[in-house]
PDB file of N, CA and C in Angstrom:
ATOM      1  N   UNK A   1       3.871  49.187 -72.270  1.00  0.00           N
ATOM      2  CA  UNK A   1       2.833  49.346 -73.247  1.00  0.00           C
ATOM      3  C   UNK A   1       2.981  50.731 -73.857  1.00  0.00           C
ATOM      4  N   UNK A   2       2.899  50.777 -75.169  1.00  0.00           N
ATOM      5  CA  UNK A   2       3.027  52.023 -75.916  1.00  0.00           C
ATOM      6  C   UNK A   2       1.736  52.244 -76.683  1.00  0.00           C
ATOM      7  N   UNK A   3       1.190  53.452 -76.624  1.00  0.00           N
ATOM      8  CA  UNK A   3      -0.018  53.800 -77.370  1.00  0.00           C
ATOM      9  C   UNK A   3       0.394  54.274 -78.751  1.00  0.00           C
ATOM     10  N   UNK A   4      -0.271  53.751 -79.781  1.00  0.00           N
ATOM     11  CA  UNK A   4       0.043  54.089 -81.166  1.00  0.00           C
ATOM     12  C   UNK A   4      -1.257  54.465 -81.865  1.00  0.00           C
ATOM     13  N   UNK A   5      -1.195  55.461 -82.722  1.00  0.00           N
ATOM     14  CA  UNK A   5      -2.373  55.846 -83.487  1.00  0.00           C
ATOM     15  C   UNK A   5      -1.974  56.469 -84.800  1.00  0.00           C
ATOM     16  N   UNK A   6      -2.953  56.634 -85.683  1.00  0.00           N
ATOM     17  CA  UNK A   6      -2.692  57.166 -87.013  1.00  0.00           C
ATOM     18  C   UNK A   6      -2.828  58.680 -87.102  1.00  0.00           C
ATOM     19  N   UNK A   7      -3.615  59.263 -86.206  1.00  0.00           N
ATOM     20  CA  UNK A   7      -3.836  60.705 -86.311  1.00  0.00           C
ATOM     21  C   UNK A   7      -4.194  61.295 -84.953  1.00  0.00           C
ATOM     22  N   UNK A   8      -4.032  62.598 -84.870  1.00  0.00           N
ATOM     23  CA  UNK A   8      -4.380  63.330 -83.658  1.00  0.00           C
ATOM     24  C   UNK A   8      -5.831  63.782 -83.741  1.00  0.00           C
ATOM     25  N   UNK A   9      -6.437  64.016 -82.596  1.00  0.00           N
ATOM     26  CA  UNK A   9      -7.815  64.509 -82.600  1.00  0.00           C
ATOM     27  C   UNK A   9      -7.841  66.012 -82.864  1.00  0.00           C
ATOM     28  N   UNK A  10      -9.005  66.623 -82.752  1.00  0.00           N
ATOM     29  CA  UNK A  10      -9.170  68.037 -83.096  1.00  0.00           C
ATOM     30  C   UNK A  10      -8.382  68.990 -82.209  1.00  0.00           C
ATOM     31  N   UNK A  11      -7.963  68.549 -81.020  1.00  0.00           N
ATOM     32  CA  UNK A  11      -7.158  69.414 -80.153  1.00  0.00           C
ATOM     33  C   UNK A  11      -5.683  69.012 -80.152  1.00  0.00           C
ATOM     34  N   UNK A  12      -5.324  68.065 -81.020  1.00  0.00           N
ATOM     35  CA  UNK A  12      -3.923  67.688 -81.167  1.00  0.00           C
ATOM     36  C   UNK A  12      -3.454  66.561 -80.266  1.00  0.00           C
ATOM     37  N   UNK A  13      -4.378  65.760 -79.748  1.00  0.00           N
ATOM     38  CA  UNK A  13      -4.004  64.645 -78.883  1.00  0.00           C
ATOM     39  C   UNK A  13      -4.152  63.319 -79.608  1.00  0.00           C
ATOM     40  N   UNK A  14      -3.222  62.433 -79.400  1.00  0.00           N
ATOM     41  CA  UNK A  14      -3.357  61.078 -79.898  1.00  0.00           C
ATOM     42  C   UNK A  14      -4.372  60.330 -79.050  1.00  0.00           C
ATOM     43  N   UNK A  15      -4.249  60.497 -77.737  1.00  0.00           N
ATOM     44  CA  UNK A  15      -5.159  59.848 -76.800  1.00  0.00           C
ATOM     45  C   UNK A  15      -5.344  60.762 -75.601  1.00  0.00           C
ATOM     46  N   UNK A  16      -6.548  60.792 -75.097  1.00  0.00           N
ATOM     47  CA  UNK A  16      -6.838  61.587 -73.910  1.00  0.00           C
ATOM     48  C   UNK A  16      -6.307  60.825 -72.694  1.00  0.00           C
ATOM     49  N   UNK A  17      -5.351  61.422 -71.993  1.00  0.00           N
ATOM     50  CA  UNK A  17      -4.741  60.756 -70.844  1.00  0.00           C
ATOM     51  C   UNK A  17      -5.784  60.417 -69.786  1.00  0.00           C
ATOM     52  N   UNK A  18      -6.766  61.275 -69.618  1.00  0.00           N
ATOM     53  CA  UNK A  18      -7.820  61.019 -68.633  1.00  0.00           C
ATOM     54  C   UNK A  18      -8.572  59.727 -68.970  1.00  0.00           C
ATOM     55  N   UNK A  19      -8.869  59.527 -70.247  1.00  0.00           N
ATOM     56  CA  UNK A  19      -9.557  58.310 -70.685  1.00  0.00           C
ATOM     57  C   UNK A  19      -8.675  57.080 -70.480  1.00  0.00           C
ATOM     58  N   UNK A  20      -7.412  57.186 -70.863  1.00  0.00           N
ATOM     59  CA  UNK A  20      -6.492  56.065 -70.668  1.00  0.00           C
ATOM     60  C   UNK A  20      -6.346  55.721 -69.188  1.00  0.00           C
ATOM     61  N   UNK A  21      -6.235  56.744 -68.361  1.00  0.00           N
ATOM     62  CA  UNK A  21      -6.090  56.534 -66.919  1.00  0.00           C
ATOM     63  C   UNK A  21      -7.329  55.834 -66.351  1.00  0.00           C
ATOM     64  N   UNK A  22      -8.515  56.263 -66.773  1.00  0.00           N
ATOM     65  CA  UNK A  22      -9.754  55.653 -66.291  1.00  0.00           C
ATOM     66  C   UNK A  22      -9.854  54.196 -66.747  1.00  0.00           C
ATOM     67  N   UNK A  23      -9.493  53.946 -67.987  1.00  0.00           N
ATOM     68  CA  UNK A  23      -9.525  52.578 -68.506  1.00  0.00           C
ATOM     69  C   UNK A  23      -8.568  51.687 -67.725  1.00  0.00           C
ATOM     70  N   UNK A  24      -7.367  52.178 -67.493  1.00  0.00           N
ATOM     71  CA  UNK A  24      -6.394  51.399 -66.732  1.00  0.00           C
ATOM     72  C   UNK A  24      -6.885  51.147 -65.312  1.00  0.00           C
ATOM     73  N   UNK A  25      -7.503  52.140 -64.712  1.00  0.00           N
ATOM     74  CA  UNK A  25      -8.052  51.975 -63.355  1.00  0.00           C
ATOM     75  C   UNK A  25      -9.128  50.885 -63.349  1.00  0.00           C
ATOM     76  N   UNK A  26      -9.984  50.884 -64.367  1.00  0.00           N
ATOM     77  CA  UNK A  26     -11.046  49.879 -64.454  1.00  0.00           C
ATOM     78  C   UNK A  26     -10.479  48.472 -64.622  1.00  0.00           C
ATOM     79  N   UNK A  27      -9.345  48.371 -65.291  1.00  0.00           N
ATOM     80  CA  UNK A  27      -8.712  47.072 -65.495  1.00  0.00           C
ATOM     81  C   UNK A  27      -7.971  46.618 -64.234  1.00  0.00           C
ATOM     82  N   UNK A  28      -7.308  47.551 -63.552  1.00  0.00           N
ATOM     83  CA  UNK A  28      -6.476  47.188 -62.403  1.00  0.00           C
ATOM     84  C   UNK A  28      -7.248  47.007 -61.103  1.00  0.00           C
ATOM     85  N   UNK A  29      -8.315  47.757 -60.903  1.00  0.00           N
ATOM     86  CA  UNK A  29      -9.055  47.696 -59.641  1.00  0.00           C
ATOM     87  C   UNK A  29      -9.502  46.283 -59.274  1.00  0.00           C
ATOM     88  N   UNK A  30     -10.064  45.501 -60.213  1.00  0.00           N
ATOM     89  CA  UNK A  30     -10.470  44.140 -59.846  1.00  0.00           C
ATOM     90  C   UNK A  30      -9.307  43.213 -59.485  1.00  0.00           C
ATOM     91  N   UNK A  31      -8.083  43.610 -59.823  1.00  0.00           N
ATOM     92  CA  UNK A  31      -6.912  42.787 -59.528  1.00  0.00           C
ATOM     93  C   UNK A  31      -6.275  43.137 -58.181  1.00  0.00           C
ATOM     94  N   UNK A  32      -6.718  44.226 -57.584  1.00  0.00           N
ATOM     95  CA  UNK A  32      -6.084  44.754 -56.385  1.00  0.00           C
ATOM     96  C   UNK A  32      -6.627  44.101 -55.116  1.00  0.00           C
ATOM     97  N   UNK A  33      -5.753  43.582 -54.303  1.00  0.00           N
ATOM     98  CA  UNK A  33      -6.076  42.996 -52.994  1.00  0.00           C
ATOM     99  C   UNK A  33      -7.068  41.839 -53.084  1.00  0.00           C
ATOM    100  N   UNK A  34      -6.880  40.982 -54.077  1.00  0.00           N
ATOM    101  CA  UNK A  34      -7.693  39.777 -54.211  1.00  0.00           C
ATOM    102  C   UNK A  34      -6.772  38.589 -54.454  1.00  0.00           C
ATOM    103  N   UNK A  35      -7.322  37.411 -54.305  1.00  0.00           N
ATOM    104  CA  UNK A  35      -6.590  36.202 -54.658  1.00  0.00           C
ATOM    105  C   UNK A  35      -6.768  36.030 -56.166  1.00  0.00           C
ATOM    106  N   UNK A  36      -5.717  36.267 -56.916  1.00  0.00           N
ATOM    107  CA  UNK A  36      -5.815  36.258 -58.375  1.00  0.00           C
ATOM    108  C   UNK A  36      -6.286  34.914 -58.918  1.00  0.00           C
ATOM    109  N   UNK A  37      -5.932  33.831 -58.259  1.00  0.00           N
ATOM    110  CA  UNK A  37      -6.368  32.502 -58.704  1.00  0.00           C
ATOM    111  C   UNK A  37      -7.882  32.359 -58.664  1.00  0.00           C
ATOM    112  N   UNK A  38      -8.572  33.188 -57.894  1.00  0.00           N
ATOM    113  CA  UNK A  38     -10.025  33.125 -57.799  1.00  0.00           C
ATOM    114  C   UNK A  38     -10.729  33.892 -58.912  1.00  0.00           C
ATOM    115  N   UNK A  39      -9.996  34.675 -59.693  1.00  0.00           N
ATOM    116  CA  UNK A  39     -10.597  35.452 -60.773  1.00  0.00           C
ATOM    117  C   UNK A  39     -10.796  34.585 -62.015  1.00  0.00           C
ATOM    118  N   UNK A  40     -11.894  34.792 -62.744  1.00  0.00           N
ATOM    119  CA  UNK A  40     -12.133  33.994 -63.951  1.00  0.00           C
ATOM    120  C   UNK A  40     -10.979  34.034 -64.952  1.00  0.00           C
ATOM    121  N   UNK A  41     -10.325  35.164 -65.083  1.00  0.00           N
ATOM    122  CA  UNK A  41      -9.220  35.290 -66.047  1.00  0.00           C
ATOM    123  C   UNK A  41      -8.052  34.361 -65.712  1.00  0.00           C
ATOM    124  N   UNK A  42      -7.923  33.987 -64.444  1.00  0.00           N
ATOM    125  CA  UNK A  42      -6.791  33.163 -64.020  1.00  0.00           C
ATOM    126  C   UNK A  42      -7.230  31.815 -63.471  1.00  0.00           C
ATOM    127  N   UNK A  43      -8.455  31.427 -63.800  1.00  0.00           N
ATOM    128  CA  UNK A  43      -8.968  30.138 -63.339  1.00  0.00           C
ATOM    129  C   UNK A  43      -8.086  28.987 -63.830  1.00  0.00           C
ATOM    130  N   UNK A  44      -7.713  29.039 -65.103  1.00  0.00           N
ATOM    131  CA  UNK A  44      -6.893  27.980 -65.696  1.00  0.00           C
ATOM    132  C   UNK A  44      -5.527  28.487 -66.132  1.00  0.00           C
ATOM    133  N   UNK A  45      -5.126  29.618 -65.562  1.00  0.00           N
ATOM    134  CA  UNK A  45      -3.869  30.243 -65.969  1.00  0.00           C
ATOM    135  C   UNK A  45      -3.131  30.725 -64.731  1.00  0.00           C
ATOM    136  N   UNK A  46      -1.855  30.388 -64.624  1.00  0.00           N
ATOM    137  CA  UNK A  46      -1.039  30.831 -63.503  1.00  0.00           C
ATOM    138  C   UNK A  46      -0.953  32.368 -63.514  1.00  0.00           C
ATOM    139  N   UNK A  47      -1.306  33.043 -62.439  1.00  0.00           N
ATOM    140  CA  UNK A  47      -1.233  34.509 -62.407  1.00  0.00           C
ATOM    141  C   UNK A  47       0.197  35.014 -62.194  1.00  0.00           C
ATOM    142  N   UNK A  48       1.070  34.614 -63.080  1.00  0.00           N
ATOM    143  CA  UNK A  48       2.458  35.086 -63.022  1.00  0.00           C
ATOM    144  C   UNK A  48       2.494  36.546 -63.472  1.00  0.00           C
ATOM    145  N   UNK A  49       3.592  37.199 -63.232  1.00  0.00           N
ATOM    146  CA  UNK A  49       3.756  38.587 -63.668  1.00  0.00           C
ATOM    147  C   UNK A  49       3.526  38.702 -65.167  1.00  0.00           C
ATOM    148  N   UNK A  50       4.049  37.756 -65.924  1.00  0.00           N
ATOM    149  CA  UNK A  50       3.904  37.791 -67.378  1.00  0.00           C
ATOM    150  C   UNK A  50       2.453  37.632 -67.805  1.00  0.00           C
ATOM    151  N   UNK A  51       1.740  36.705 -67.169  1.00  0.00           N
ATOM    152  CA  UNK A  51       0.335  36.492 -67.523  1.00  0.00           C
ATOM    153  C   UNK A  51      -0.556  37.653 -67.081  1.00  0.00           C
ATOM    154  N   UNK A  52      -0.233  38.266 -65.958  1.00  0.00           N
ATOM    155  CA  UNK A  52      -0.982  39.444 -65.515  1.00  0.00           C
ATOM    156  C   UNK A  52      -0.745  40.586 -66.504  1.00  0.00           C
ATOM    157  N   UNK A  53       0.499  40.777 -66.926  1.00  0.00           N
ATOM    158  CA  UNK A  53       0.814  41.831 -67.903  1.00  0.00           C
ATOM    159  C   UNK A  53       0.076  41.573 -69.208  1.00  0.00           C
ATOM    160  N   UNK A  54       0.044  40.324 -69.650  1.00  0.00           N
ATOM    161  CA  UNK A  54      -0.660  39.965 -70.887  1.00  0.00           C
ATOM    162  C   UNK A  54      -2.156  40.259 -70.740  1.00  0.00           C
ATOM    163  N   UNK A  55      -2.732  39.904 -69.595  1.00  0.00           N
ATOM    164  CA  UNK A  55      -4.152  40.162 -69.328  1.00  0.00           C
ATOM    165  C   UNK A  55      -4.447  41.672 -69.365  1.00  0.00           C
ATOM    166  N   UNK A  56      -3.614  42.461 -68.700  1.00  0.00           N
ATOM    167  CA  UNK A  56      -3.800  43.914 -68.675  1.00  0.00           C
ATOM    168  C   UNK A  56      -3.689  44.475 -70.086  1.00  0.00           C
ATOM    169  N   UNK A  57      -2.675  44.065 -70.812  1.00  0.00           N
ATOM    170  CA  UNK A  57      -2.469  44.532 -72.180  1.00  0.00           C
ATOM    171  C   UNK A  57      -3.688  44.243 -73.048  1.00  0.00           C
ATOM    172  N   UNK A  58      -4.131  43.014 -73.052  1.00  0.00           N
ATOM    173  CA  UNK A  58      -5.254  42.625 -73.907  1.00  0.00           C
ATOM    174  C   UNK A  58      -6.544  43.332 -73.508  1.00  0.00           C
ATOM    175  N   UNK A  59      -6.775  43.482 -72.221  1.00  0.00           N
ATOM    176  CA  UNK A  59      -7.999  44.127 -71.763  1.00  0.00           C
ATOM    177  C   UNK A  59      -8.004  45.612 -72.110  1.00  0.00           C
ATOM    178  N   UNK A  60      -6.892  46.292 -71.880  1.00  0.00           N
ATOM    179  CA  UNK A  60      -6.798  47.718 -72.234  1.00  0.00           C
ATOM    180  C   UNK A  60      -6.907  47.882 -73.738  1.00  0.00           C
ATOM    181  N   UNK A  61      -6.231  47.041 -74.477  1.00  0.00           N
ATOM    182  CA  UNK A  61      -6.252  47.108 -75.940  1.00  0.00           C
ATOM    183  C   UNK A  61      -7.683  46.988 -76.465  1.00  0.00           C
ATOM    184  N   UNK A  62      -8.450  46.066 -75.930  1.00  0.00           N
ATOM    185  CA  UNK A  62      -9.826  45.862 -76.381  1.00  0.00           C
ATOM    186  C   UNK A  62     -10.751  46.999 -75.960  1.00  0.00           C
ATOM    187  N   UNK A  63     -10.393  47.710 -74.913  1.00  0.00           N
ATOM    188  CA  UNK A  63     -11.241  48.789 -74.405  1.00  0.00           C
ATOM    189  C   UNK A  63     -10.981  50.127 -75.074  1.00  0.00           C
ATOM    190  N   UNK A  64      -9.898  50.265 -75.780  1.00  0.00           N
ATOM    191  CA  UNK A  64      -9.483  51.580 -76.290  1.00  0.00           C
ATOM    192  C   UNK A  64      -9.390  51.653 -77.804  1.00  0.00           C
ATOM    193  N   UNK A  65     -10.193  50.888 -78.513  1.00  0.00           N
ATOM    194  CA  UNK A  65     -10.181  51.025 -79.969  1.00  0.00           C
ATOM    195  C   UNK A  65     -10.647  52.439 -80.309  1.00  0.00           C
ATOM    196  N   UNK A  66     -10.147  53.079 -81.319  1.00  0.00           N
ATOM    197  CA  UNK A  66      -9.316  52.574 -82.404  1.00  0.00           C
ATOM    198  C   UNK A  66      -7.823  52.729 -82.146  1.00  0.00           C
ATOM    199  N   UNK A  67      -7.415  53.083 -80.934  1.00  0.00           N
ATOM    200  CA  UNK A  67      -5.987  53.171 -80.637  1.00  0.00           C
ATOM    201  C   UNK A  67      -5.368  51.784 -80.729  1.00  0.00           C
ATOM    202  N   UNK A  68      -4.084  51.767 -81.024  1.00  0.00           N
ATOM    203  CA  UNK A  68      -3.344  50.511 -81.043  1.00  0.00           C
ATOM    204  C   UNK A  68      -2.302  50.576 -79.937  1.00  0.00           C
ATOM    205  N   UNK A  69      -1.944  49.431 -79.435  1.00  0.00           N
ATOM    206  CA  UNK A  69      -0.962  49.344 -78.364  1.00  0.00           C
ATOM    207  C   UNK A  69       0.128  48.379 -78.768  1.00  0.00           C
ATOM    208  N   UNK A  70       1.332  48.669 -78.330  1.00  0.00           N
ATOM    209  CA  UNK A  70       2.456  47.768 -78.561  1.00  0.00           C
ATOM    210  C   UNK A  70       2.995  47.350 -77.205  1.00  0.00           C
ATOM    211  N   UNK A  71       3.301  46.082 -77.095  1.00  0.00           N
ATOM    212  CA  UNK A  71       3.889  45.563 -75.871  1.00  0.00           C
ATOM    213  C   UNK A  71       5.366  45.309 -76.121  1.00  0.00           C
ATOM    214  N   UNK A  72       6.118  45.267 -75.050  1.00  0.00           N
ATOM    215  CA  UNK A  72       7.527  44.943 -75.159  1.00  0.00           C
ATOM    216  C   UNK A  72       7.845  43.794 -74.221  1.00  0.00           C
ATOM    217  N   UNK A  73       9.082  43.444 -74.124  1.00  0.00           N
ATOM    218  CA  UNK A  73       9.580  42.399 -73.224  1.00  0.00           C
ATOM    219  C   UNK A  73       9.196  41.001 -73.694  1.00  0.00           C
ATOM    220  N   UNK A  74       8.870  40.850 -74.964  1.00  0.00           N
ATOM    221  CA  UNK A  74       8.649  39.522 -75.522  1.00  0.00           C
ATOM    222  C   UNK A  74       7.534  38.723 -74.887  1.00  0.00           C
ATOM    223  N   UNK A  75       6.406  39.352 -74.609  1.00  0.00           N
ATOM    224  CA  UNK A  75       5.297  38.627 -73.986  1.00  0.00           C
ATOM    225  C   UNK A  75       4.528  37.779 -74.985  1.00  0.00           C
ATOM    226  N   UNK A  76       4.876  37.848 -76.248  1.00  0.00           N
ATOM    227  CA  UNK A  76       4.166  37.055 -77.242  1.00  0.00           C
ATOM    228  C   UNK A  76       2.735  37.493 -77.427  1.00  0.00           C
ATOM    229  N   UNK A  77       2.506  38.781 -77.322  1.00  0.00           N
ATOM    230  CA  UNK A  77       1.144  39.317 -77.421  1.00  0.00           C
ATOM    231  C   UNK A  77       0.877  39.774 -78.832  1.00  0.00           C
TER     232      UNK A  77
END
Protein backbone atom coordinates (compact mmCIF):
# COMPACT_ATOMS: atom_id res chain seq x y z
CA UNK A 1 0.00 0.00 0.00
CA UNK A 2 1.32 3.41 -0.99
CA UNK A 3 0.06 6.69 0.49
CA UNK A 4 -0.60 9.39 -2.11
CA UNK A 5 -1.65 13.00 -1.62
CA UNK A 6 -1.81 16.32 -3.42
CA UNK A 7 -0.04 18.53 -0.91
CA UNK A 8 1.99 18.62 2.27
CA UNK A 9 0.65 19.99 5.53
CA UNK A 10 1.98 23.08 7.32
CA UNK A 11 5.01 21.20 8.69
CA UNK A 12 5.85 19.54 5.38
CA UNK A 13 4.27 16.11 5.90
CA UNK A 14 2.07 14.28 3.45
CA UNK A 15 0.71 12.13 6.26
CA UNK A 16 1.41 11.94 9.96
CA UNK A 17 3.03 8.55 10.54
CA UNK A 18 1.59 8.43 14.05
CA UNK A 19 -1.94 8.76 12.64
CA UNK A 20 -1.33 6.14 9.96
CA UNK A 21 0.16 3.77 12.53
CA UNK A 22 -2.84 4.21 14.86
CA UNK A 23 -5.29 3.66 12.01
CA UNK A 24 -3.49 0.51 10.93
CA UNK A 25 -3.45 -0.74 14.52
CA UNK A 26 -7.22 -0.17 14.77
CA UNK A 27 -7.74 -2.15 11.58
CA UNK A 28 -5.37 -5.02 12.44
CA UNK A 29 -6.17 -5.55 16.13
CA UNK A 30 -9.61 -7.11 15.51
CA UNK A 31 -7.98 -9.56 13.08
CA UNK A 32 -5.32 -10.75 15.53
CA UNK A 33 -5.70 -14.13 17.25
CA UNK A 34 -9.30 -14.73 16.16
CA UNK A 35 -11.06 -17.12 13.85
CA UNK A 36 -11.37 -14.89 10.78
CA UNK A 37 -14.37 -16.83 9.48
CA UNK A 38 -16.28 -15.63 12.56
CA UNK A 39 -15.81 -11.94 11.68
CA UNK A 40 -18.62 -10.14 9.83
CA UNK A 41 -16.21 -9.04 7.08
CA UNK A 42 -15.48 -12.69 6.24
CA UNK A 43 -18.88 -14.22 6.91
CA UNK A 44 -19.46 -14.81 3.19
CA UNK A 45 -15.89 -14.37 2.01
CA UNK A 46 -12.93 -16.74 2.26
CA UNK A 47 -10.32 -15.08 4.52
CA UNK A 48 -7.50 -15.73 2.08
CA UNK A 49 -4.38 -13.59 2.15
CA UNK A 50 -5.70 -11.66 -0.85
CA UNK A 51 -9.09 -11.00 0.72
CA UNK A 52 -7.53 -9.97 4.04
CA UNK A 53 -5.23 -7.55 2.16
CA UNK A 54 -8.23 -6.16 0.26
CA UNK A 55 -10.16 -5.73 3.54
CA UNK A 56 -7.21 -3.93 5.19
CA UNK A 57 -6.70 -1.70 2.15
CA UNK A 58 -10.34 -0.67 1.90
CA UNK A 59 -10.73 -0.09 5.63
CA UNK A 60 -7.57 2.03 5.92
CA UNK A 61 -8.48 3.91 2.76
CA UNK A 62 -11.92 4.81 4.14
CA UNK A 63 -10.45 5.88 7.48
CA UNK A 64 -7.78 8.23 6.14
CA UNK A 65 -9.51 10.62 3.76
CA UNK A 66 -8.44 12.89 2.11
CA UNK A 67 -5.30 10.80 1.56
CA UNK A 68 -5.36 8.36 -1.32
CA UNK A 69 -3.86 4.90 -1.31
CA UNK A 70 -2.59 2.71 -4.10
CA UNK A 71 -2.45 -1.05 -3.90
CA UNK A 72 -0.17 -3.33 -5.83
CA UNK A 73 -0.01 -7.03 -6.66
CA UNK A 74 -3.15 -6.95 -8.79
CA UNK A 75 -5.73 -7.24 -6.02
CA UNK A 76 -8.35 -5.62 -8.22
CA UNK A 77 -8.96 -2.89 -5.67
